[in-house]
Amino acid sequence: MKLEDISNFFKPVDVKNKSNVNILDSVKARAVMIDMEEGVISDILRGPLKKLFDRKQLVTDVSGSGNNWAMGNKFYGSKYHDQLTELFRKEAEECDSLQCFFLLHSMGGGTGSGLGTAVLEYLHDEFLKIPRFVFAVFPSIHDDVVTSPYNTVLANSQLINFADCVIPFENKLTLSGKT
């Protein structure tokens, strides 16, 4: 595998003074990773993918959004607006020819549905001519989070207004590998 083959999703990092460098050690994901519960991102940073993510491109909080769309969209959306907009601008400036944005988020929880759609709106406002593709993970019909249907309805209105393309996934099927 060559860097050119994966350069749409990964950017090179300096490995000049290192020997026997694996391709995955010489790249970082072109990504901004966001979760208002620090545990999920902490798990990723301790796992086998830890070298792929630039820690300066991670945004976390402690308390989470409490499965509440409004908390994610209005509270955290406002709190992190400037920081996230700057991170997206930085990533965009590092691209030779920015073609689109890919967003992956859940629709049932507070951070994914709320802050995820706030991010979608930021990208619409800041990069109007760049298409936004959303991979939306919808809750299962038997979801145990009582607010999931409400979060999903509120987030759907944002998808309609700000996404250019939505690729839906159902949470239970995604976890089972039957998508």
Protein backbone atom coordinates (compact mmCIF):
# COMPACT_ATOMS: atom_id res chain seq x y z
CA MET A 1 0.00 0.00 0.00
CA LYS A 2 1.30 3.44 -0.95
CA LEU A 3 0.52 6.77 0.67
CA GLU A 4 -1.06 8.00 -2.58
CA ASP A 5 -3.62 5.19 -2.32
CA ILE A 6 -4.92 6.41 1.03
CA SER A 7 -4.17 10.15 0.87
CA ASN A 8 -7.85 11.12 0.62
CA PHE A 9 -8.37 9.94 4.17
CA PHE A 10 -4.87 10.15 5.66
CA LYS A 11 -2.14 12.80 5.69
CA PRO A 12 1.60 12.11 5.90
CA VAL A 13 3.56 12.77 9.08
CA ASP A 14 7.29 13.30 9.40
CA VAL A 15 9.14 10.02 9.98
CA LYS A 16 12.56 11.01 8.55
CA ASN A 17 14.64 9.94 11.54
CA LYS A 18 12.88 6.62 12.13
CA SER A 19 13.85 3.30 10.59
CA ASN A 20 11.59 0.41 9.52
CA VAL A 21 8.50 2.60 9.39
CA ASN A 22 5.17 0.93 8.69
CA ILE A 23 2.84 2.91 6.38
CA LEU A 24 0.34 3.26 9.24
CA ASP A 25 3.03 4.86 11.41
CA SER A 26 3.65 7.50 8.75
CA VAL A 27 0.08 8.83 8.47
CA LYS A 28 -2.64 10.46 10.56
CA ALA A 29 -6.34 10.37 9.79
CA ARG A 30 -7.79 13.47 8.16
CA ALA A 31 -10.35 13.60 10.92
CA VAL A 32 -11.80 15.52 13.81
CA MET A 33 -13.06 13.07 16.41
CA ILE A 34 -15.72 14.32 18.83
CA ASP A 35 -17.50 12.78 21.81
CA MET A 36 -18.78 14.55 24.88
CA GLU A 37 -18.07 11.46 26.98
CA GLU A 38 -14.31 11.10 27.09
CA GLY A 39 -14.41 7.33 27.67
CA VAL A 40 -15.02 6.27 24.06
CA ILE A 41 -12.19 8.36 22.64
CA SER A 42 -9.93 7.30 25.52
CA ASP A 43 -10.60 3.66 24.60
CA ILE A 44 -9.64 4.36 20.97
CA LEU A 45 -6.45 6.12 22.07
CA ARG A 46 -5.45 3.08 24.13
CA GLY A 47 -6.30 0.61 21.36
CA PRO A 48 -4.63 -0.51 18.14
CA LEU A 49 -5.71 2.63 16.24
CA LYS A 50 -4.14 5.08 18.69
CA LYS A 51 -1.38 6.21 16.30
CA LEU A 52 -3.84 7.08 13.52
CA PHE A 53 -5.39 10.07 15.28
CA ASP A 54 -3.78 13.43 15.96
CA ARG A 55 -4.58 14.25 19.59
CA LYS A 56 -4.92 17.93 18.63
CA GLN A 57 -7.90 16.94 16.47
CA LEU A 58 -9.87 15.34 19.31
CA VAL A 59 -12.63 17.11 21.23
CA THR A 60 -14.08 15.63 24.40
CA ASP A 61 -15.88 16.70 27.52
CA VAL A 62 -16.50 14.87 30.76
CA SER A 63 -20.22 14.72 31.44
CA GLY A 64 -21.69 13.77 28.06
CA SER A 65 -24.97 14.95 26.57
CA GLY A 66 -27.22 12.71 28.64
CA ASN A 67 -29.03 11.27 25.60
CA ASN A 68 -30.49 14.73 25.06
CA TRP A 69 -30.46 16.28 21.56
CA ALA A 70 -30.84 19.81 22.94
CA MET A 71 -27.86 19.37 25.27
CA GLY A 72 -25.67 18.24 22.38
CA ASN A 73 -26.96 20.71 19.81
CA LYS A 74 -27.59 23.86 21.82
CA PHE A 75 -25.26 23.61 24.84
CA TYR A 76 -22.23 21.78 23.43
CA GLY A 77 -22.88 23.14 19.94
CA SER A 78 -22.51 26.65 21.29
CA LYS A 79 -19.69 25.82 23.71
CA TYR A 80 -17.49 24.16 21.07
CA HIS A 81 -18.54 26.11 17.96
CA ASP A 82 -15.36 28.18 17.60
CA GLN A 83 -12.97 25.36 18.48
CA LEU A 84 -14.61 22.90 16.09
CA THR A 85 -14.90 25.42 13.26
CA GLU A 86 -11.18 26.13 13.60
CA LEU A 87 -10.31 22.42 13.60
CA PHE A 88 -12.36 21.87 10.43
CA ARG A 89 -10.76 24.88 8.78
CA LYS A 90 -7.29 23.57 9.67
CA GLU A 91 -8.06 20.13 8.20
CA ALA A 92 -9.55 21.72 5.07
CA GLU A 93 -6.50 23.95 4.55
CA GLU A 94 -4.22 20.89 4.60
CA CYS A 95 -6.06 19.37 1.63
CA ASP A 96 -4.85 19.91 -1.93
CA SER A 97 -8.39 19.74 -3.28
CA LEU A 98 -11.13 19.31 -0.70
CA GLN A 99 -13.93 17.29 -2.32
CA CYS A 100 -16.37 16.60 0.53
CA PHE A 101 -16.88 16.02 4.22
CA PHE A 102 -17.84 12.65 5.70
CA LEU A 103 -19.67 12.71 9.01
CA LEU A 104 -20.38 9.59 11.02
CA HIS A 105 -22.66 9.91 14.02
CA SER A 106 -25.47 8.26 15.89
CA MET A 107 -29.00 9.59 15.74
CA GLY A 108 -30.26 8.28 19.07
CA GLY A 109 -27.91 9.74 21.67
CA GLY A 110 -27.40 13.36 22.65
CA THR A 111 -23.91 13.96 21.28
CA GLY A 112 -24.38 12.22 17.94
CA SER A 113 -27.84 13.57 17.21
CA GLY A 114 -27.34 16.99 18.77
CA LEU A 115 -23.71 18.00 18.43
CA GLY A 116 -23.38 15.87 15.29
CA THR A 117 -26.04 17.91 13.53
CA ALA A 118 -24.64 21.16 14.94
CA VAL A 119 -21.34 20.20 13.29
CA LEU A 120 -23.21 19.52 10.06
CA GLU A 121 -24.65 23.03 10.23
CA TYR A 122 -21.18 24.55 10.92
CA LEU A 123 -19.82 22.80 7.83
CA HIS A 124 -22.77 24.04 5.77
CA ASP A 125 -22.18 27.61 6.94
CA GLU A 126 -18.37 27.61 6.63
CA PHE A 127 -17.95 25.45 3.51
CA LEU A 128 -21.20 25.98 1.62
CA LYS A 129 -19.97 24.60 -1.71
CA ILE A 130 -18.36 21.45 -0.27
CA PRO A 131 -20.76 18.46 -0.17
CA ARG A 132 -21.53 16.87 3.20
CA PHE A 133 -22.10 13.10 3.30
CA VAL A 134 -23.60 11.81 6.54
CA PHE A 135 -23.36 8.21 7.68
CA ALA A 136 -26.17 8.24 10.23
CA VAL A 137 -26.54 5.35 12.66
CA PHE A 138 -30.23 5.14 13.54
CA PRO A 139 -31.36 3.51 16.78
CA SER A 140 -32.93 0.09 16.75
CA ILE A 141 -36.71 -0.08 17.07
CA HIS A 142 -36.07 -1.85 20.40
CA ASP A 143 -33.60 0.74 21.68
CA ASP A 144 -33.52 1.03 25.46
CA VAL A 145 -32.90 4.80 25.48
CA VAL A 146 -36.31 6.41 25.91
CA THR A 147 -35.25 9.68 24.25
CA SER A 148 -33.90 8.04 21.06
CA PRO A 149 -37.06 8.62 18.97
CA TYR A 150 -37.15 12.31 19.94
CA ASN A 151 -33.44 12.78 19.29
CA THR A 152 -33.83 11.09 15.91
CA VAL A 153 -36.74 13.30 14.84
CA LEU A 154 -34.92 16.47 15.87
CA ALA A 155 -31.70 15.37 14.16
CA ASN A 156 -33.56 14.38 10.98
CA SER A 157 -34.72 17.96 10.47
CA GLN A 158 -31.06 19.04 10.55
CA LEU A 159 -30.08 16.33 8.06
CA ILE A 160 -32.80 17.53 5.69
CA ASN A 161 -31.54 21.11 5.92
CA PHE A 162 -27.76 20.64 5.88
CA ALA A 163 -26.71 17.24 4.46
CA ASP A 164 -26.18 16.62 0.76
CA CYS A 165 -26.40 12.86 1.11
CA VAL A 166 -27.43 10.63 4.03
CA ILE A 167 -26.43 6.99 4.21
CA PRO A 168 -28.56 5.42 6.96
CA PHE A 169 -27.49 2.50 9.13
CA GLU A 170 -29.55 0.73 11.76
CA ASN A 171 -27.65 0.31 15.02
CA LYS A 172 -28.55 -3.29 15.82
CA LEU A 173 -27.84 -4.46 12.26
CA THR A 174 -24.55 -2.57 12.20
CA LEU A 175 -23.40 -4.32 15.37
CA SER A 176 -24.47 -7.72 14.04
CA GLY A 177 -22.50 -7.22 10.81
CA LYS A 178 -25.59 -7.74 8.62
CA THR A 179 -25.66 -4.31 6.96
